N, C-alpha and C. Protein backbone atom coordinates (compact mmCIF):
# COMPACT_ATOMS: atom_id res chain seq x y z
N MET A 1 117.28 152.23 124.74
CA MET A 1 117.14 152.58 123.35
C MET A 1 117.73 153.84 123.13
N PHE A 2 118.36 154.20 122.05
CA PHE A 2 119.07 155.37 121.85
C PHE A 2 118.75 155.92 120.41
N LEU A 3 118.81 157.24 120.20
CA LEU A 3 118.74 157.79 118.83
C LEU A 3 120.11 157.52 118.16
N ALA A 4 120.02 157.60 116.85
CA ALA A 4 121.10 157.43 116.05
C ALA A 4 121.77 158.76 115.62
N PRO A 5 122.95 159.01 115.48
CA PRO A 5 123.96 158.14 116.09
C PRO A 5 124.09 158.27 117.66
N TYR A 6 124.33 157.10 118.31
CA TYR A 6 124.44 157.11 119.71
C TYR A 6 125.80 157.62 120.12
N VAL A 7 125.71 158.47 121.02
CA VAL A 7 126.95 159.23 121.51
C VAL A 7 127.44 158.54 122.82
N GLN A 8 128.48 157.82 122.91
CA GLN A 8 128.95 157.13 124.18
C GLN A 8 129.02 158.21 125.18
N GLY A 9 128.48 157.97 126.44
CA GLY A 9 128.56 158.85 127.45
C GLY A 9 127.55 159.97 127.51
N SER A 10 126.65 159.92 126.53
CA SER A 10 125.55 160.92 126.51
C SER A 10 124.81 161.06 127.82
N SER A 11 124.66 162.11 128.42
CA SER A 11 124.12 162.27 129.75
C SER A 11 122.56 162.14 129.79
N THR A 12 121.93 162.32 128.79
CA THR A 12 120.51 162.25 128.86
C THR A 12 119.77 161.86 127.51
N GLN A 13 118.67 161.07 127.69
CA GLN A 13 117.99 160.86 126.42
C GLN A 13 116.50 161.37 126.85
N GLN A 14 116.39 162.48 127.68
CA GLN A 14 115.12 163.02 128.04
C GLN A 14 114.84 164.11 127.06
N PHE A 15 113.53 164.33 126.75
CA PHE A 15 113.16 165.37 125.81
C PHE A 15 111.96 166.18 126.33
N GLY A 16 111.85 167.51 125.78
CA GLY A 16 110.84 168.19 126.20
C GLY A 16 109.76 168.09 125.05
N THR A 17 108.50 168.55 125.17
CA THR A 17 107.50 168.40 124.21
C THR A 17 106.95 169.81 123.75
N ILE A 18 106.66 170.02 122.52
CA ILE A 18 105.87 171.13 122.10
C ILE A 18 104.66 170.54 121.52
N SER A 19 103.53 171.04 122.11
CA SER A 19 102.28 170.67 121.53
C SER A 19 102.10 170.97 120.01
N ALA A 20 101.46 169.97 119.28
CA ALA A 20 101.29 170.22 117.88
C ALA A 20 99.80 169.91 117.52
N GLY A 21 98.99 169.90 118.54
CA GLY A 21 97.61 169.67 118.32
C GLY A 21 97.16 168.18 118.22
N ARG A 22 96.11 167.88 117.36
CA ARG A 22 95.68 166.54 117.39
C ARG A 22 95.56 166.06 115.89
N SER A 23 95.80 164.69 115.81
CA SER A 23 95.55 164.05 114.40
C SER A 23 94.50 162.98 114.69
N GLY A 24 93.40 163.23 114.36
CA GLY A 24 92.25 162.31 114.78
C GLY A 24 92.05 162.33 116.24
N THR A 25 92.18 161.14 116.93
CA THR A 25 92.09 161.11 118.43
C THR A 25 93.35 161.30 119.02
N ASP A 26 94.48 161.27 118.39
CA ASP A 26 95.83 161.23 118.88
C ASP A 26 96.30 162.67 119.25
N SER A 27 96.89 162.77 120.46
CA SER A 27 97.60 164.07 120.81
C SER A 27 98.98 164.06 120.18
N CYS A 28 99.44 165.22 119.63
CA CYS A 28 100.66 165.24 118.73
C CYS A 28 101.54 166.35 119.33
N PHE A 29 102.89 166.14 119.14
CA PHE A 29 103.78 167.19 119.61
C PHE A 29 105.17 166.86 118.94
N HIS A 30 106.09 167.78 119.17
CA HIS A 30 107.48 167.69 118.66
C HIS A 30 108.29 167.36 119.87
N LEU A 31 109.28 166.52 119.80
CA LEU A 31 110.21 166.17 120.84
C LEU A 31 111.50 166.95 120.69
N VAL A 32 111.90 167.72 121.81
CA VAL A 32 113.06 168.64 121.68
C VAL A 32 114.03 168.47 122.68
N GLN A 33 115.32 168.53 122.28
CA GLN A 33 116.46 168.44 123.25
C GLN A 33 117.47 169.52 122.81
N ASN A 34 117.78 170.51 123.67
CA ASN A 34 118.87 171.53 123.45
C ASN A 34 118.64 172.15 122.08
N GLY A 35 117.41 172.52 121.58
CA GLY A 35 117.18 173.04 120.44
C GLY A 35 117.14 172.29 119.13
N GLN A 36 117.24 170.97 119.38
CA GLN A 36 117.31 169.93 118.28
C GLN A 36 116.04 169.11 118.43
N TYR A 37 115.42 168.68 117.24
CA TYR A 37 114.13 168.14 117.25
C TYR A 37 114.33 166.61 116.79
N VAL A 38 113.55 165.67 117.51
CA VAL A 38 113.63 164.27 117.09
C VAL A 38 112.80 164.04 115.89
N ASN A 39 113.50 163.42 114.82
CA ASN A 39 112.92 163.13 113.60
C ASN A 39 113.33 161.81 112.97
N SER A 40 112.38 161.34 112.06
CA SER A 40 112.67 160.04 111.42
C SER A 40 112.93 160.24 109.97
N THR A 41 113.17 161.52 109.50
CA THR A 41 113.23 161.78 108.02
C THR A 41 114.57 162.47 107.61
N SER A 42 115.63 162.40 108.40
CA SER A 42 116.90 162.99 108.10
C SER A 42 117.46 162.53 106.69
N ALA A 43 117.33 161.23 106.33
CA ALA A 43 117.84 160.69 105.11
C ALA A 43 116.76 160.94 104.02
N HIS A 44 115.64 161.20 104.18
CA HIS A 44 114.55 161.38 103.21
C HIS A 44 113.56 162.28 103.62
N PRO A 45 113.76 163.62 103.40
CA PRO A 45 112.83 164.57 104.04
C PRO A 45 111.48 164.51 103.60
N ARG A 46 110.54 164.87 104.51
CA ARG A 46 109.08 164.67 104.42
C ARG A 46 108.51 163.37 104.09
N ASP A 47 109.24 162.26 104.32
CA ASP A 47 108.81 160.96 103.97
C ASP A 47 109.18 159.95 104.96
N PRO A 48 108.44 159.82 106.14
CA PRO A 48 108.77 158.83 107.06
C PRO A 48 108.59 157.44 106.58
N GLN A 49 109.73 156.67 106.76
CA GLN A 49 109.74 155.33 106.20
C GLN A 49 110.10 154.20 107.30
N ASN A 50 109.48 153.03 107.10
CA ASN A 50 109.80 151.87 107.98
C ASN A 50 111.32 151.69 108.16
N GLY A 51 111.85 151.53 109.33
CA GLY A 51 113.16 151.16 109.52
C GLY A 51 114.16 152.32 109.53
N SER A 52 113.88 153.56 109.28
CA SER A 52 114.76 154.66 109.14
C SER A 52 115.21 154.99 110.53
N SER A 53 116.53 155.67 110.51
CA SER A 53 117.09 156.07 111.81
C SER A 53 116.34 157.25 112.36
N VAL A 54 116.22 157.30 113.67
CA VAL A 54 115.61 158.36 114.41
C VAL A 54 116.74 159.22 114.95
N THR A 55 116.83 160.56 114.52
CA THR A 55 117.95 161.33 114.78
C THR A 55 117.46 162.66 115.49
N LEU A 56 118.40 163.46 115.94
CA LEU A 56 118.13 164.89 116.25
C LEU A 56 118.64 165.83 115.20
N GLY A 57 117.90 166.91 114.90
CA GLY A 57 118.33 167.80 113.92
C GLY A 57 117.40 169.02 113.98
N GLY A 58 117.89 170.07 113.24
CA GLY A 58 117.14 171.38 113.15
C GLY A 58 115.76 171.06 112.60
N PHE A 59 114.93 171.98 113.04
CA PHE A 59 113.47 171.76 112.62
C PHE A 59 113.21 171.96 111.08
N ARG A 60 112.46 171.15 110.53
CA ARG A 60 112.05 171.13 109.15
C ARG A 60 110.58 171.32 109.11
N PRO A 61 109.92 172.52 108.69
CA PRO A 61 108.50 172.60 108.71
C PRO A 61 107.72 171.64 107.77
N ASN A 62 106.59 171.34 107.91
CA ASN A 62 105.81 170.55 107.17
C ASN A 62 106.42 169.13 106.69
N ASP A 63 106.99 168.49 107.81
CA ASP A 63 107.68 167.23 107.63
C ASP A 63 107.05 166.32 108.67
N ASP A 64 106.28 165.30 108.26
CA ASP A 64 105.65 164.47 109.15
C ASP A 64 106.61 163.57 110.13
N GLY A 65 107.91 163.46 109.64
CA GLY A 65 108.92 162.84 110.50
C GLY A 65 109.23 163.49 111.80
N TYR A 66 108.80 164.72 111.98
CA TYR A 66 109.18 165.50 113.18
C TYR A 66 107.94 165.45 114.06
N LEU A 67 106.77 165.02 113.59
CA LEU A 67 105.46 165.03 114.44
C LEU A 67 105.25 163.78 115.06
N TRP A 68 105.36 163.67 116.39
CA TRP A 68 105.08 162.44 117.15
C TRP A 68 103.65 162.40 117.82
N CYS A 69 102.95 161.42 117.63
CA CYS A 69 101.65 161.29 118.45
C CYS A 69 101.46 160.11 119.34
N THR A 70 100.69 160.23 120.35
CA THR A 70 100.39 159.22 121.22
C THR A 70 99.23 158.49 120.68
N THR A 71 99.41 157.21 120.33
CA THR A 71 98.33 156.37 119.77
C THR A 71 98.07 155.26 120.64
N SER A 72 96.83 155.02 120.96
CA SER A 72 96.50 153.79 121.70
C SER A 72 96.34 152.63 120.88
N ASP A 73 96.81 151.40 121.29
CA ASP A 73 96.49 150.28 120.49
C ASP A 73 95.73 149.25 121.43
N GLY A 74 95.08 149.77 122.47
CA GLY A 74 94.29 148.82 123.33
C GLY A 74 94.97 148.24 124.38
N SER A 75 96.41 148.12 124.30
CA SER A 75 97.34 147.65 125.29
C SER A 75 98.18 148.65 126.08
N GLY A 76 98.25 149.81 125.32
CA GLY A 76 99.10 150.92 125.97
C GLY A 76 99.27 151.96 124.90
N THR A 77 100.16 152.85 125.09
CA THR A 77 100.43 154.02 124.29
C THR A 77 101.69 153.85 123.47
N LEU A 78 101.40 154.04 122.19
CA LEU A 78 102.47 153.90 121.26
C LEU A 78 102.92 155.48 120.87
N LEU A 79 104.13 155.54 120.45
CA LEU A 79 104.60 156.91 119.92
C LEU A 79 104.76 156.58 118.38
N THR A 80 104.10 157.52 117.59
CA THR A 80 103.93 157.19 116.25
C THR A 80 104.19 158.44 115.39
N ASN A 81 104.81 158.34 114.26
CA ASN A 81 104.72 159.21 112.97
C ASN A 81 103.64 158.85 112.14
N HIS A 82 102.72 159.85 111.87
CA HIS A 82 101.48 159.52 111.05
C HIS A 82 101.97 159.84 109.60
N THR A 83 101.84 158.76 108.73
CA THR A 83 102.26 158.80 107.29
C THR A 83 101.23 159.27 106.46
N ASP A 84 99.89 159.23 106.93
CA ASP A 84 98.76 159.79 106.28
C ASP A 84 97.67 159.80 107.34
N THR A 85 96.47 160.20 106.88
CA THR A 85 95.30 160.16 107.89
C THR A 85 94.94 158.94 108.57
N SER A 86 95.27 157.75 108.02
CA SER A 86 94.90 156.52 108.64
C SER A 86 96.06 155.49 108.86
N ALA A 87 97.32 155.91 108.54
CA ALA A 87 98.44 155.04 108.69
C ALA A 87 99.51 155.75 109.60
N HIS A 88 100.19 154.88 110.33
CA HIS A 88 101.29 155.29 111.23
C HIS A 88 102.43 154.40 111.23
N LEU A 89 103.59 154.91 111.73
CA LEU A 89 104.85 154.16 112.09
C LEU A 89 105.03 154.32 113.55
N ASP A 90 105.22 153.20 114.23
CA ASP A 90 105.56 153.10 115.69
C ASP A 90 106.95 153.31 115.95
N LEU A 91 107.29 154.12 117.03
CA LEU A 91 108.68 154.36 117.51
C LEU A 91 109.02 153.05 118.25
N THR A 92 109.95 152.24 117.86
CA THR A 92 110.48 151.03 118.58
C THR A 92 111.88 150.92 118.44
N LYS A 93 112.43 149.69 118.86
CA LYS A 93 113.92 149.44 118.86
C LYS A 93 114.21 148.56 117.73
N SER A 94 115.30 148.95 117.01
CA SER A 94 115.75 148.19 115.89
C SER A 94 115.95 146.65 116.32
N PRO A 95 115.48 145.77 115.42
CA PRO A 95 115.84 144.38 115.82
C PRO A 95 117.20 143.95 115.74
N ILE A 96 118.18 144.76 115.25
CA ILE A 96 119.53 144.41 115.31
C ILE A 96 120.52 145.25 116.09
N SER A 97 119.93 146.32 116.83
CA SER A 97 120.71 147.19 117.63
C SER A 97 119.70 147.86 118.56
N ASP A 98 120.33 148.60 119.47
CA ASP A 98 119.59 149.34 120.53
C ASP A 98 119.20 150.76 120.00
N VAL A 99 119.14 150.89 118.64
CA VAL A 99 118.86 152.33 118.14
C VAL A 99 117.32 152.38 117.75
N ALA A 100 116.78 153.55 118.02
CA ALA A 100 115.31 153.89 117.70
C ALA A 100 115.07 153.75 116.26
N VAL A 101 113.90 153.11 115.86
CA VAL A 101 113.55 153.19 114.47
C VAL A 101 111.89 153.23 114.41
N PRO A 102 111.42 153.88 113.35
CA PRO A 102 110.01 153.74 113.18
C PRO A 102 109.66 152.48 112.36
N SER A 103 108.65 151.76 112.86
CA SER A 103 108.30 150.49 112.14
C SER A 103 106.78 150.33 111.97
N GLY A 104 106.44 149.94 110.87
CA GLY A 104 104.81 149.55 110.61
C GLY A 104 104.40 148.64 111.49
N PRO A 105 103.02 148.81 111.80
CA PRO A 105 102.44 147.86 112.77
C PRO A 105 102.59 146.42 112.27
N ASP A 106 102.69 146.02 110.95
CA ASP A 106 102.82 144.76 110.50
C ASP A 106 104.18 144.38 110.28
N SER A 107 105.15 145.03 110.76
CA SER A 107 106.63 144.77 110.38
C SER A 107 107.20 143.48 111.13
N GLY A 108 106.45 143.07 112.16
CA GLY A 108 106.97 141.90 112.99
C GLY A 108 107.90 142.35 114.09
N ILE A 109 108.30 143.65 114.17
CA ILE A 109 109.06 144.06 115.15
C ILE A 109 108.33 144.36 116.44
N PRO A 110 108.51 143.88 117.59
CA PRO A 110 107.64 144.13 118.71
C PRO A 110 107.43 145.56 118.95
N ARG A 111 106.17 145.92 119.25
CA ARG A 111 105.77 147.29 119.61
C ARG A 111 106.09 147.58 121.01
N LEU A 112 106.66 148.79 121.17
CA LEU A 112 106.76 149.29 122.55
C LEU A 112 105.90 150.18 122.91
N HIS A 113 105.50 150.20 124.27
CA HIS A 113 104.55 151.07 124.83
C HIS A 113 105.24 152.02 125.64
N TRP A 114 104.82 153.32 125.61
CA TRP A 114 105.51 154.44 126.33
C TRP A 114 104.72 155.03 127.32
N HIS A 115 105.37 155.52 128.44
CA HIS A 115 104.74 156.21 129.47
C HIS A 115 105.40 157.63 129.56
N LEU A 116 104.64 158.69 129.20
CA LEU A 116 105.23 160.01 129.19
C LEU A 116 105.02 160.64 130.62
N ARG A 117 106.02 161.04 131.09
CA ARG A 117 105.90 161.77 132.45
C ARG A 117 106.64 163.07 132.40
N ALA A 118 106.36 163.85 133.38
CA ALA A 118 107.06 165.14 133.64
C ALA A 118 108.45 164.93 134.14
N ALA A 119 109.54 165.56 133.53
CA ALA A 119 110.79 165.33 134.03
C ALA A 119 110.92 166.13 135.27
N SER A 120 111.73 165.77 136.30
CA SER A 120 111.93 166.56 137.43
C SER A 120 112.99 167.45 137.29
N GLN A 121 112.78 168.60 137.86
CA GLN A 121 113.77 169.77 137.68
C GLN A 121 115.08 169.50 138.49
């Protein structure tokens, strides 16, 4: 699975994390690569939406599309954008390509479970 736009020959899809505290019981962070932040709101600032492209870009404060949280669903760990205090969008794979998209829990798109690990130096 890749972020949009996918760059052919890209050498890495690994990201660093910057802690951003908690949202309820979820641990939250920003995902960063070479000074660029993973976000789901490049096309509609401050408004995470179902099916949006997930991209890298400069940081935008007070934008929930840059905040990623680990959310348990009883079967594993989801990566989520919180859209308000009780709702979230799951980071998953587009049903028509290998591009990452956020999707609502009831969208019918299979939910992906994530395992976060320390990258080797």
